[in-house]
């Protein structure tokens, strides 16, 4: 009998589809990269998704984030994403956490309950904490390196962190994780040399912020606001989701 995931079943087989249905994946950050990870996992039939983000949809998200529309501006991303997931698969279990993951609140998450963890956040301290917590619990993790200031999705690669080049974020992660004894980490990164954002005051969030009111953590707290487009973060997210699905059905 045909069903929502029949086309997927043709590739994974019934057993593979059941593994996806029984899997639980946590996605930290549902922005330009993480949103597409969640989208692809939901459309692949992953049964339980935990989504973690404290941001609201901003007008500046419309150019690249899958959940961003004029109707969703001002709404919490995790709530918009949950609604979208359930429209795709009403039987999915979606756990939302309206919070920003940091070392200070890492204890609130039990990684042993996850089959996979996705790092799609952009703060160094949070990324390192995610990797260390996943390693301690023996949970698989995949991490997104810098997808901002890039225009060439064809230059994205799936690789081990210690085999990366060109990416400034990956370079810092290598240094910090090596100090902590982490020997490997699967990442998606780009070999494209980052483009320096053009200094246009009218497009600078630091001086012309339009984030929704009452947003606890706006982009203006960042040292540098990266430029971004629709086709690089999304490609990174889809590459990550593909790796996760392949790993889940091969277990």
Protein backbone atom coordinates (compact mmCIF):
# COMPACT_ATOMS: atom_id res chain seq x y z
CA UNK A 1 0.00 0.00 0.00
CA UNK A 2 1.29 3.45 -0.91
CA UNK A 3 2.00 5.87 1.93
CA UNK A 4 3.79 9.17 2.59
CA UNK A 5 7.25 7.60 2.59
CA UNK A 6 6.81 5.04 -0.21
CA UNK A 7 9.47 6.68 -2.39
CA UNK A 8 11.91 6.61 0.51
CA UNK A 9 11.10 2.95 1.18
CA UNK A 10 12.12 2.09 -2.38
CA UNK A 11 15.67 3.09 -1.38
CA UNK A 12 15.80 2.11 2.28
CA UNK A 13 13.56 -0.94 2.31
CA UNK A 14 10.92 -1.53 4.96
CA UNK A 15 13.50 -2.27 7.64
CA UNK A 16 15.34 0.97 6.93
CA UNK A 17 12.13 2.96 7.08
CA UNK A 18 11.29 1.39 10.43
CA UNK A 19 14.71 2.36 11.76
CA UNK A 20 14.06 5.96 10.74
CA UNK A 21 10.64 5.87 12.36
CA UNK A 22 12.16 4.63 15.60
CA UNK A 23 15.02 7.14 15.61
CA UNK A 24 15.31 10.24 17.76
CA UNK A 25 17.43 13.13 16.52
CA UNK A 26 18.18 16.40 18.31
CA UNK A 27 18.85 19.45 16.16
CA UNK A 28 20.45 22.38 17.96
CA UNK A 29 19.73 25.51 15.95
CA UNK A 30 16.94 25.66 13.35
CA UNK A 31 18.16 28.57 11.25
CA UNK A 32 19.59 28.57 7.74
CA UNK A 33 21.38 25.22 8.12
CA UNK A 34 19.45 23.51 10.91
CA UNK A 35 16.05 24.28 9.45
CA UNK A 36 16.88 22.30 6.31
CA UNK A 37 18.30 19.45 8.40
CA UNK A 38 14.98 19.20 10.24
CA UNK A 39 13.00 19.53 7.01
CA UNK A 40 14.87 16.67 5.35
CA UNK A 41 14.74 14.43 8.43
CA UNK A 42 11.00 14.96 8.76
CA UNK A 43 10.49 14.15 5.08
CA UNK A 44 12.67 11.05 5.52
CA UNK A 45 10.36 9.69 8.21
CA UNK A 46 12.46 10.21 11.33
CA UNK A 47 9.98 9.51 14.12
CA UNK A 48 11.12 11.83 16.91
CA UNK A 49 12.75 15.22 16.54
CA UNK A 50 13.98 17.46 19.33
CA UNK A 51 14.49 21.04 18.12
CA UNK A 52 16.37 23.61 20.16
CA UNK A 53 16.48 27.35 19.43
CA UNK A 54 15.55 30.53 21.29
CA UNK A 55 15.19 32.89 18.33
CA UNK A 56 12.13 34.32 16.65
CA UNK A 57 11.80 34.51 12.88
CA UNK A 58 13.19 37.83 11.70
CA UNK A 59 12.51 39.70 8.47
CA UNK A 60 16.17 39.19 7.53
CA UNK A 61 15.63 35.41 7.67
CA UNK A 62 13.34 35.48 4.62
CA UNK A 63 16.24 35.21 2.18
CA UNK A 64 17.40 31.77 3.37
CA UNK A 65 15.46 30.00 6.14
CA UNK A 66 12.91 27.34 5.24
CA UNK A 67 10.47 28.38 7.98
CA UNK A 68 10.67 32.10 7.29
CA UNK A 69 7.67 33.69 5.56
CA UNK A 70 5.82 36.95 6.05
CA UNK A 71 3.30 35.03 8.16
CA UNK A 72 5.91 33.57 10.52
CA UNK A 73 7.97 36.72 11.19
CA UNK A 74 7.90 37.38 14.94
CA UNK A 75 7.05 33.79 15.89
CA UNK A 76 9.40 31.47 17.74
CA UNK A 77 11.32 29.31 15.31
CA UNK A 78 10.82 26.08 17.23
CA UNK A 79 7.04 26.53 17.22
CA UNK A 80 6.94 27.31 13.50
CA UNK A 81 9.21 24.34 12.79
CA UNK A 82 7.08 22.00 14.90
CA UNK A 83 3.95 23.01 13.02
CA UNK A 84 5.73 22.42 9.73
CA UNK A 85 6.99 18.98 10.77
CA UNK A 86 3.52 17.87 11.84
CA UNK A 87 2.05 19.05 8.55
CA UNK A 88 4.55 16.77 6.82
CA UNK A 89 4.19 13.83 9.22
CA UNK A 90 1.33 14.07 11.76
CA UNK A 91 2.63 10.96 13.51
CA UNK A 92 6.00 12.48 14.31
CA UNK A 93 6.87 13.30 17.89
CA UNK A 94 8.31 16.81 18.15
CA UNK A 95 9.89 18.09 21.35
CA UNK A 96 10.64 21.81 21.38
CA UNK A 97 13.08 23.71 23.57
CA UNK A 98 12.81 27.47 23.42
CA UNK A 99 16.32 28.02 24.68
CA UNK A 100 19.83 28.69 23.45
CA UNK A 101 22.27 25.89 24.15
CA UNK A 102 25.33 26.95 26.14
CA UNK A 103 27.75 25.16 28.49
CA UNK A 104 25.75 26.65 31.37
CA UNK A 105 22.54 24.79 30.47
CA UNK A 106 24.03 21.70 28.83
CA UNK A 107 22.96 19.61 31.83
CA UNK A 108 19.32 20.12 30.82
CA UNK A 109 19.79 17.75 27.87
CA UNK A 110 20.24 13.99 28.21
CA UNK A 111 22.19 13.00 25.12
CA UNK A 112 21.91 9.28 25.86
CA UNK A 113 18.30 9.39 24.62
CA UNK A 114 19.34 10.60 21.17
CA UNK A 115 20.44 8.48 18.23
CA UNK A 116 22.05 11.51 16.63
CA UNK A 117 22.84 15.12 17.54
CA UNK A 118 23.10 17.95 15.03
CA UNK A 119 25.21 21.01 15.80
CA UNK A 120 23.83 23.86 13.71
CA UNK A 121 24.57 26.68 16.14
CA UNK A 122 27.11 29.43 15.63
CA UNK A 123 28.72 30.12 19.00
CA UNK A 124 32.09 28.52 19.62
CA UNK A 125 31.49 27.72 23.29
CA UNK A 126 28.19 26.03 22.45
CA UNK A 127 29.64 24.02 19.58
CA UNK A 128 32.49 22.74 21.74
CA UNK A 129 30.09 21.86 24.56
CA UNK A 130 27.85 19.92 22.16
CA UNK A 131 30.77 17.87 20.88
CA UNK A 132 32.07 17.12 24.36
CA UNK A 133 28.64 16.15 25.67
CA UNK A 134 28.03 13.89 22.70
CA UNK A 135 31.41 12.23 23.18
CA UNK A 136 30.77 11.64 26.86
CA UNK A 137 27.43 9.95 26.14
CA UNK A 138 28.68 8.03 23.10
CA UNK A 139 26.13 9.73 20.84
CA UNK A 140 26.83 10.38 17.17
CA UNK A 141 27.13 14.04 16.25
CA UNK A 142 27.59 16.01 13.07
CA UNK A 143 28.63 19.65 13.09
CA UNK A 144 28.14 22.51 10.66
CA UNK A 145 31.11 24.77 10.08
CA UNK A 146 30.81 28.25 8.61
CA UNK A 147 28.14 28.57 5.90
CA UNK A 148 28.04 32.36 5.97
CA UNK A 149 29.91 34.65 3.58
CA UNK A 150 29.86 31.93 0.88
CA UNK A 151 28.33 31.78 -2.62
CA UNK A 152 29.38 28.35 -3.90
CA UNK A 153 27.41 25.36 -2.54
CA UNK A 154 29.39 23.04 -4.84
CA UNK A 155 32.42 23.66 -2.63
CA UNK A 156 30.78 22.16 0.45
CA UNK A 157 32.25 18.87 1.66
CA UNK A 158 31.47 16.18 4.20
CA UNK A 159 34.69 15.39 6.03
CA UNK A 160 36.45 14.78 9.32
CA UNK A 161 37.26 18.01 11.12
CA UNK A 162 40.98 17.26 11.07
CA UNK A 163 40.96 16.97 7.27
CA UNK A 164 39.41 20.38 6.66
CA UNK A 165 41.08 23.41 5.14
CA UNK A 166 40.31 27.07 4.37
CA UNK A 167 37.40 27.35 6.87
CA UNK A 168 38.29 29.72 9.77
CA UNK A 169 35.68 28.20 12.08
CA UNK A 170 36.95 24.67 11.42
CA UNK A 171 40.49 25.82 12.14
CA UNK A 172 39.48 27.15 15.56
CA UNK A 173 37.42 24.06 16.30
CA UNK A 174 40.38 21.83 15.45
CA UNK A 175 42.61 23.70 17.85
CA UNK A 176 40.12 23.71 20.71
CA UNK A 177 38.97 20.10 20.35
CA UNK A 178 42.52 18.82 20.03
CA UNK A 179 43.22 20.37 23.44
CA UNK A 180 40.28 18.40 24.80
CA UNK A 181 41.36 15.10 23.33
CA UNK A 182 38.71 14.85 20.62
CA UNK A 183 40.23 12.82 17.80
CA UNK A 184 37.49 12.96 15.18
CA UNK A 185 34.34 14.85 14.30
CA UNK A 186 32.18 14.64 11.19
CA UNK A 187 31.54 18.09 9.77
CA UNK A 188 30.17 19.83 6.72
CA UNK A 189 32.40 22.70 5.65
CA UNK A 190 33.34 24.74 2.61
CA UNK A 191 36.71 25.16 0.92
CA UNK A 192 35.51 28.46 -0.49
CA UNK A 193 37.44 31.46 0.75
CA UNK A 194 35.00 33.55 2.83
CA UNK A 195 33.81 36.74 1.17
CA UNK A 196 34.27 39.87 3.24
CA UNK A 197 30.81 41.42 3.80
CA UNK A 198 30.36 44.74 2.08
CA UNK A 199 30.15 47.58 4.59
CA UNK A 200 26.66 48.84 3.82
CA UNK A 201 25.24 50.69 6.81
CA UNK A 202 21.65 50.23 5.66
CA UNK A 203 22.15 46.44 5.72
CA UNK A 204 24.05 46.32 9.00
CA UNK A 205 22.08 44.64 11.79
CA UNK A 206 24.28 46.27 14.39
CA UNK A 207 23.00 49.73 13.54
CA UNK A 208 19.63 48.94 11.95
CA UNK A 209 18.32 45.90 13.84
CA UNK A 210 14.79 44.84 12.88
CA UNK A 211 14.53 41.69 14.98
CA UNK A 212 11.06 41.17 16.52
CA UNK A 213 10.52 42.95 19.81
CA UNK A 214 11.21 40.91 22.96
CA UNK A 215 13.66 38.66 21.12
CA UNK A 216 16.02 37.56 23.87
CA UNK A 217 19.05 36.96 21.70
CA UNK A 218 19.37 39.11 18.59
CA UNK A 219 22.03 38.86 15.91
CA UNK A 220 23.38 42.25 16.98
CA UNK A 221 25.32 40.63 19.82
CA UNK A 222 27.62 38.96 17.31
CA UNK A 223 31.02 40.49 16.63
CA UNK A 224 30.42 40.23 12.90
CA UNK A 225 27.19 39.72 11.00
CA UNK A 226 27.86 37.34 8.09
CA UNK A 227 26.30 37.64 4.68
CA UNK A 228 24.24 34.65 3.59
CA UNK A 229 22.09 33.37 0.75
CA UNK A 230 19.41 30.75 0.22
CA UNK A 231 21.50 28.11 -1.51
CA UNK A 232 24.60 27.59 0.67
CA UNK A 233 23.16 27.02 4.18
CA UNK A 234 20.38 24.88 2.71
CA UNK A 235 22.87 22.73 0.80
CA UNK A 236 24.92 22.28 3.98
CA UNK A 237 21.80 21.24 5.88
CA UNK A 238 20.76 18.72 3.25
CA UNK A 239 24.24 17.18 3.16
CA UNK A 240 24.10 16.77 6.94
CA UNK A 241 20.64 15.22 6.82
CA UNK A 242 21.75 12.77 4.14
CA UNK A 243 24.64 11.59 6.30
CA UNK A 244 22.34 11.14 9.29
CA UNK A 245 19.76 9.13 7.37
CA UNK A 246 22.39 6.86 5.84
CA UNK A 247 23.92 6.22 9.25
CA UNK A 248 20.56 5.52 10.88
CA UNK A 249 19.46 2.95 8.33
CA UNK A 250 22.83 1.20 8.35
CA UNK A 251 22.79 0.52 12.08
